[in-house]
């Protein structure tokens, strides 16, 4: 589907699904959009979603490619605030 801009599409999908109860299955999203009176393009986008249950609007937008998937912190790479704070508090030698 032709997209105007990701921000406009995010707003449009957000308005259509504003009253939808999450978590929601794909069929519930489509039914809600049809009850809302969404245009054919919006309904087509929702029909293109994978069949699953979506925990929130962000998951729907991510599945549609309108939001970047959340990034994960690499395992083993954690800051140690206590150690770093102690190192900063020490006077220089």
Protein backbone atom coordinates (compact mmCIF):
# COMPACT_ATOMS: atom_id res chain seq x y z
CA UNK A 1 0.00 0.00 0.00
CA UNK A 2 1.15 3.54 -0.73
CA UNK A 3 2.09 5.37 2.43
CA UNK A 4 1.99 9.12 2.84
CA UNK A 5 4.36 9.21 5.78
CA UNK A 6 5.02 6.91 8.72
CA UNK A 7 3.85 9.58 11.15
CA UNK A 8 0.55 10.12 9.32
CA UNK A 9 -0.01 6.36 9.03
CA UNK A 10 0.78 5.86 12.72
CA UNK A 11 -1.74 8.56 13.62
CA UNK A 12 -4.38 7.08 11.30
CA UNK A 13 -4.00 3.53 12.66
CA UNK A 14 -3.92 4.92 16.21
CA UNK A 15 -7.21 6.77 15.65
CA UNK A 16 -8.89 3.72 14.15
CA UNK A 17 -7.78 1.44 17.00
CA UNK A 18 -8.16 4.03 19.79
CA UNK A 19 -11.05 2.29 21.57
CA UNK A 20 -9.85 -1.26 20.98
CA UNK A 21 -9.24 -3.42 24.05
CA UNK A 22 -5.76 -4.94 24.14
CA UNK A 23 -4.52 -7.63 24.03
CA UNK A 24 -6.40 -8.20 20.79
CA UNK A 25 -6.31 -10.86 18.08
CA UNK A 26 -6.01 -9.92 14.42
CA UNK A 27 -9.72 -10.58 13.82
CA UNK A 28 -10.63 -8.28 16.70
CA UNK A 29 -8.53 -5.47 15.24
CA UNK A 30 -10.21 -5.88 11.85
CA UNK A 31 -13.69 -6.02 13.40
CA UNK A 32 -12.96 -2.89 15.42
CA UNK A 33 -11.69 -1.06 12.33
CA UNK A 34 -14.80 -2.03 10.34
CA UNK A 35 -17.05 -0.91 13.19
CA UNK A 36 -15.10 2.37 13.31
CA UNK A 37 -15.68 2.83 9.57
CA UNK A 38 -12.06 2.69 8.51
CA UNK A 39 -11.19 3.22 4.86
CA UNK A 40 -10.31 0.33 2.57
CA UNK A 41 -6.57 1.04 2.75
CA UNK A 42 -6.52 0.84 6.53
CA UNK A 43 -8.54 -2.37 6.52
CA UNK A 44 -6.17 -3.85 3.91
CA UNK A 45 -3.20 -3.02 6.13
CA UNK A 46 -4.84 -4.73 9.10
CA UNK A 47 -5.66 -7.78 6.94
CA UNK A 48 -1.95 -8.01 6.06
CA UNK A 49 -1.01 -8.51 9.73
CA UNK A 50 0.24 -11.93 10.83
CA UNK A 51 -2.33 -13.99 12.73
CA UNK A 52 -1.45 -13.53 16.40
CA UNK A 53 -2.54 -11.70 19.52
CA UNK A 54 -1.17 -8.18 19.85
CA UNK A 55 -0.48 -6.94 23.38
CA UNK A 56 -0.75 -3.23 22.53
CA UNK A 57 -0.94 -0.67 19.75
CA UNK A 58 2.86 -0.48 19.53
CA UNK A 59 2.98 -4.18 18.61
CA UNK A 60 0.46 -3.59 15.81
CA UNK A 61 2.44 -0.63 14.49
CA UNK A 62 5.67 -2.63 14.66
CA UNK A 63 4.08 -5.51 12.73
CA UNK A 64 2.95 -3.02 10.08
CA UNK A 65 6.47 -1.63 9.79
CA UNK A 66 5.54 1.79 11.13
CA UNK A 67 7.64 1.51 14.30
CA UNK A 68 11.08 0.07 14.74
CA UNK A 69 11.14 -3.07 16.86
CA UNK A 70 12.36 -2.46 20.41
CA UNK A 71 16.09 -2.86 20.82
CA UNK A 72 17.48 -5.35 23.28
CA UNK A 73 20.46 -4.84 25.49
CA UNK A 74 23.21 -7.31 24.68
CA UNK A 75 23.59 -9.96 27.35
CA UNK A 76 26.68 -9.51 29.48
CA UNK A 77 26.88 -5.78 28.82
CA UNK A 78 25.61 -4.07 31.93
CA UNK A 79 26.77 -1.00 33.66
CA UNK A 80 27.68 -1.24 37.30
CA UNK A 81 26.45 2.02 38.81
CA UNK A 82 27.84 1.33 42.29
CA UNK A 83 31.34 0.63 41.02
CA UNK A 84 31.28 3.55 38.59
CA UNK A 85 30.00 5.97 41.25
CA UNK A 86 32.74 4.84 43.67
CA UNK A 87 35.38 5.35 40.99
CA UNK A 88 34.15 8.90 40.33
CA UNK A 89 34.08 9.71 44.06
CA UNK A 90 37.74 8.78 44.63
CA UNK A 91 40.12 11.72 44.65
CA UNK A 92 42.78 11.61 41.92
CA UNK A 93 46.23 10.36 42.96
